[in-house]
C-alpha atoms as a PDB file:
ATOM      1  CA  UNK A   1     -32.216 -11.454  -1.166  1.00  0.00           C
ATOM      2  CA  UNK A   2     -29.007  -9.425  -1.230  1.00  0.00           C
ATOM      3  CA  UNK A   3     -27.870  -5.744  -1.790  1.00  0.00           C
ATOM      4  CA  UNK A   4     -24.570  -4.679  -2.884  1.00  0.00           C
ATOM      5  CA  UNK A   5     -23.123  -1.548  -2.541  1.00  0.00           C
ATOM      6  CA  UNK A   6     -19.588  -0.907  -3.328  1.00  0.00           C
ATOM      7  CA  UNK A   7     -17.487   2.412  -3.235  1.00  0.00           C
ATOM      8  CA  UNK A   8     -13.850   3.747  -3.332  1.00  0.00           C
ATOM      9  CA  UNK A   9     -13.069   4.019  -6.957  1.00  0.00           C
ATOM     10  CA  UNK A  10     -11.692   6.816  -8.600  1.00  0.00           C
ATOM     11  CA  UNK A  11      -8.877   8.291 -10.904  1.00  0.00           C
ATOM     12  CA  UNK A  12      -5.181   7.399  -9.961  1.00  0.00           C
ATOM     13  CA  UNK A  13      -1.810   7.757 -11.684  1.00  0.00           C
ATOM     14  CA  UNK A  14      -0.356   4.480 -12.760  1.00  0.00           C
ATOM     15  CA  UNK A  15       1.887   3.155  -9.756  1.00  0.00           C
ATOM     16  CA  UNK A  16      -0.761   4.634  -7.150  1.00  0.00           C
ATOM     17  CA  UNK A  17      -3.095   2.754  -4.965  1.00  0.00           C
ATOM     18  CA  UNK A  18      -6.972   2.678  -4.065  1.00  0.00           C
ATOM     19  CA  UNK A  19      -8.930   0.840  -1.382  1.00  0.00           C
ATOM     20  CA  UNK A  20     -12.372  -0.481  -2.650  1.00  0.00           C
ATOM     21  CA  UNK A  21     -14.961  -1.262  -0.220  1.00  0.00           C
ATOM     22  CA  UNK A  22     -18.051  -3.235  -0.255  1.00  0.00           C
ATOM     23  CA  UNK A  23     -21.101  -3.747   2.150  1.00  0.00           C
ATOM     24  CA  UNK A  24     -23.581  -6.669   1.602  1.00  0.00           C
ATOM     25  CA  UNK A  25     -27.107  -6.402   3.168  1.00  0.00           C
ATOM     26  CA  UNK A  26     -28.314  -9.593   3.118  1.00  0.00           C
ATOM     27  CA  UNK A  27     -31.394 -11.805   4.824  1.00  0.00           C
ATOM     28  CA  UNK A  28     -30.804 -14.540   7.036  1.00  0.00           C
ATOM     29  CA  UNK A  29     -28.388 -16.559   5.781  1.00  0.00           C
ATOM     30  CA  UNK A  30     -24.832 -17.459   5.723  1.00  0.00           C
ATOM     31  CA  UNK A  31     -21.743 -16.148   3.637  1.00  0.00           C
ATOM     32  CA  UNK A  32     -19.253 -18.398   2.483  1.00  0.00           C
ATOM     33  CA  UNK A  33     -17.058 -15.813   0.916  1.00  0.00           C
ATOM     34  CA  UNK A  34     -17.206 -12.377  -0.523  1.00  0.00           C
ATOM     35  CA  UNK A  35     -15.172 -11.330  -3.603  1.00  0.00           C
ATOM     36  CA  UNK A  36     -14.397  -9.034  -6.301  1.00  0.00           C
ATOM     37  CA  UNK A  37     -15.100  -8.773  -9.878  1.00  0.00           C
ATOM     38  CA  UNK A  38     -14.214  -6.224 -12.544  1.00  0.00           C
ATOM     39  CA  UNK A  39     -15.342  -5.539 -16.242  1.00  0.00           C
ATOM     40  CA  UNK A  40     -13.296  -3.283 -18.464  1.00  0.00           C
ATOM     41  CA  UNK A  41     -14.546  -1.665 -21.361  1.00  0.00           C
ATOM     42  CA  UNK A  42     -15.470  -4.468 -24.284  1.00  0.00           C
ATOM     43  CA  UNK A  43     -14.221  -7.300 -22.035  1.00  0.00           C
ATOM     44  CA  UNK A  44     -16.185  -9.899 -20.218  1.00  0.00           C
ATOM     45  CA  UNK A  45     -16.909  -9.400 -16.428  1.00  0.00           C
ATOM     46  CA  UNK A  46     -13.613 -11.483 -14.597  1.00  0.00           C
ATOM     47  CA  UNK A  47     -13.238 -12.793 -11.273  1.00  0.00           C
ATOM     48  CA  UNK A  48     -10.098 -10.780  -9.167  1.00  0.00           C
ATOM     49  CA  UNK A  49     -10.194 -11.999  -5.677  1.00  0.00           C
ATOM     50  CA  UNK A  50     -12.137 -13.532  -2.924  1.00  0.00           C
ATOM     51  CA  UNK A  51     -12.301 -13.988   0.801  1.00  0.00           C
ATOM     52  CA  UNK A  52     -13.712 -16.796   2.761  1.00  0.00           C
ATOM     53  CA  UNK A  53     -15.446 -16.758   5.991  1.00  0.00           C
ATOM     54  CA  UNK A  54     -12.257 -18.825   7.639  1.00  0.00           C
ATOM     55  CA  UNK A  55      -9.867 -16.040   6.509  1.00  0.00           C
ATOM     56  CA  UNK A  56      -8.564 -17.779   3.122  1.00  0.00           C
ATOM     57  CA  UNK A  57      -7.755 -15.582   0.287  1.00  0.00           C
ATOM     58  CA  UNK A  58      -7.565 -16.356  -3.410  1.00  0.00           C
ATOM     59  CA  UNK A  59      -6.556 -13.761  -6.358  1.00  0.00           C
ATOM     60  CA  UNK A  60      -6.371 -13.886 -10.201  1.00  0.00           C
ATOM     61  CA  UNK A  61      -2.880 -14.309 -11.590  1.00  0.00           C
ATOM     62  CA  UNK A  62      -2.968 -10.447 -12.905  1.00  0.00           C
ATOM     63  CA  UNK A  63      -3.373  -9.187  -9.619  1.00  0.00           C
ATOM     64  CA  UNK A  64      -1.333 -11.452  -7.514  1.00  0.00           C
ATOM     65  CA  UNK A  65       1.411  -9.263  -5.500  1.00  0.00           C
ATOM     66  CA  UNK A  66      -0.437  -6.156  -5.946  1.00  0.00           C
ATOM     67  CA  UNK A  67      -3.687  -6.315  -4.559  1.00  0.00           C
ATOM     68  CA  UNK A  68      -5.137  -7.460  -1.161  1.00  0.00           C
ATOM     69  CA  UNK A  69      -8.260  -8.439  -0.160  1.00  0.00           C
ATOM     70  CA  UNK A  70      -9.496  -8.387   3.516  1.00  0.00           C
ATOM     71  CA  UNK A  71     -12.895  -7.872   5.633  1.00  0.00           C
ATOM     72  CA  UNK A  72     -14.978  -9.247   8.053  1.00  0.00           C
ATOM     73  CA  UNK A  73     -17.283 -11.823   6.531  1.00  0.00           C
ATOM     74  CA  UNK A  74     -19.599 -12.135   9.700  1.00  0.00           C
ATOM     75  CA  UNK A  75     -20.203  -8.250   9.211  1.00  0.00           C
ATOM     76  CA  UNK A  76     -21.059  -8.718   5.336  1.00  0.00           C
ATOM     77  CA  UNK A  77     -17.961  -6.341   4.388  1.00  0.00           C
ATOM     78  CA  UNK A  78     -14.871  -6.819   2.210  1.00  0.00           C
ATOM     79  CA  UNK A  79     -12.286  -4.367   1.009  1.00  0.00           C
ATOM     80  CA  UNK A  80      -9.657  -4.571  -2.061  1.00  0.00           C
ATOM     81  CA  UNK A  81      -6.356  -2.718  -1.258  1.00  0.00           C
ATOM     82  CA  UNK A  82      -4.819  -1.956  -4.880  1.00  0.00           C
ATOM     83  CA  UNK A  83      -1.370  -1.085  -5.205  1.00  0.00           C
ATOM     84  CA  UNK A  84       1.045  -0.665  -8.063  1.00  0.00           C
ATOM     85  CA  UNK A  85      -2.052   0.125 -10.283  1.00  0.00           C
ATOM     86  CA  UNK A  86      -1.578   0.081 -14.086  1.00  0.00           C
ATOM     87  CA  UNK A  87      -3.520   1.301 -17.194  1.00  0.00           C
ATOM     88  CA  UNK A  88      -4.984  -2.078 -17.499  1.00  0.00           C
ATOM     89  CA  UNK A  89      -6.628  -2.049 -14.112  1.00  0.00           C
ATOM     90  CA  UNK A  90      -9.024   0.342 -15.588  1.00  0.00           C
ATOM     91  CA  UNK A  91     -12.542  -1.485 -14.951  1.00  0.00           C
ATOM     92  CA  UNK A  92     -15.748  -1.113 -12.978  1.00  0.00           C
ATOM     93  CA  UNK A  93     -15.099  -3.269 -10.104  1.00  0.00           C
ATOM     94  CA  UNK A  94     -17.973  -5.192  -8.454  1.00  0.00           C
ATOM     95  CA  UNK A  95     -18.325  -7.301  -5.299  1.00  0.00           C
ATOM     96  CA  UNK A  96     -20.120 -10.714  -4.644  1.00  0.00           C
ATOM     97  CA  UNK A  97     -20.991 -12.715  -2.317  1.00  0.00           C
ATOM     98  CA  UNK A  98     -21.070 -16.718  -1.883  1.00  0.00           C
ATOM     99  CA  UNK A  99     -23.775 -18.719  -0.582  1.00  0.00           C
ATOM    100  CA  UNK A 100     -23.799 -22.278  -0.380  1.00  0.00           C
ATOM    101  CA  UNK A 101     -20.838 -22.575  -2.484  1.00  0.00           C
ATOM    102  CA  UNK A 102     -22.308 -20.514  -5.366  1.00  0.00           C
ATOM    103  CA  UNK A 103     -21.872 -16.723  -6.357  1.00  0.00           C
ATOM    104  CA  UNK A 104     -25.010 -14.910  -6.568  1.00  0.00           C
ATOM    105  CA  UNK A 105     -24.269 -13.603  -9.982  1.00  0.00           C
ATOM    106  CA  UNK A 106     -28.115 -12.652 -10.452  1.00  0.00           C
ATOM    107  CA  UNK A 107     -27.383  -9.687  -7.552  1.00  0.00           C
ATOM    108  CA  UNK A 108     -24.547  -7.527  -8.855  1.00  0.00           C
ATOM    109  CA  UNK A 109     -24.750  -3.943  -7.295  1.00  0.00           C
ATOM    110  CA  UNK A 110     -23.818  -0.759  -9.425  1.00  0.00           C
ATOM    111  CA  UNK A 111     -19.887  -1.405  -9.094  1.00  0.00           C
ATOM    112  CA  UNK A 112     -17.485   1.501  -8.751  1.00  0.00           C
ATOM    113  CA  UNK A 113     -15.069   2.664 -11.325  1.00  0.00           C
ATOM    114  CA  UNK A 114     -11.383   2.415 -11.401  1.00  0.00           C
ATOM    115  CA  UNK A 115      -9.219   4.334 -13.748  1.00  0.00           C
ATOM    116  CA  UNK A 116      -5.675   4.355 -14.368  1.00  0.00           C
ATOM    117  CA  UNK A 117      -3.716   7.110 -15.958  1.00  0.00           C
ATOM    118  CA  UNK A 118      -0.525   6.573 -17.961  1.00  0.00           C
END
């Protein structure tokens, strides 16, 4: 029903920046929101940020002031601008979509790896 393709990850020094992108290929249904999750080694997958079709943004406490989510939900596209990256941000980052108020957590993509050195 949905295919998710993340890109933009890489290796960056602490304090640096990266911009992640996600495109969702969906059948004929409307998206309430798109967002980002991440999973660090040995940890559970955790929610990072989301963007609603109306333009509202929400962030996890650990990225507030450093990450900015943006995109065009109508075009099934979302971005994550990450600044002042820290080693603890190292993780595989995944996007997901909300339909009828529910994350489609059975439709994870491959993710994109972010590694922050020092």
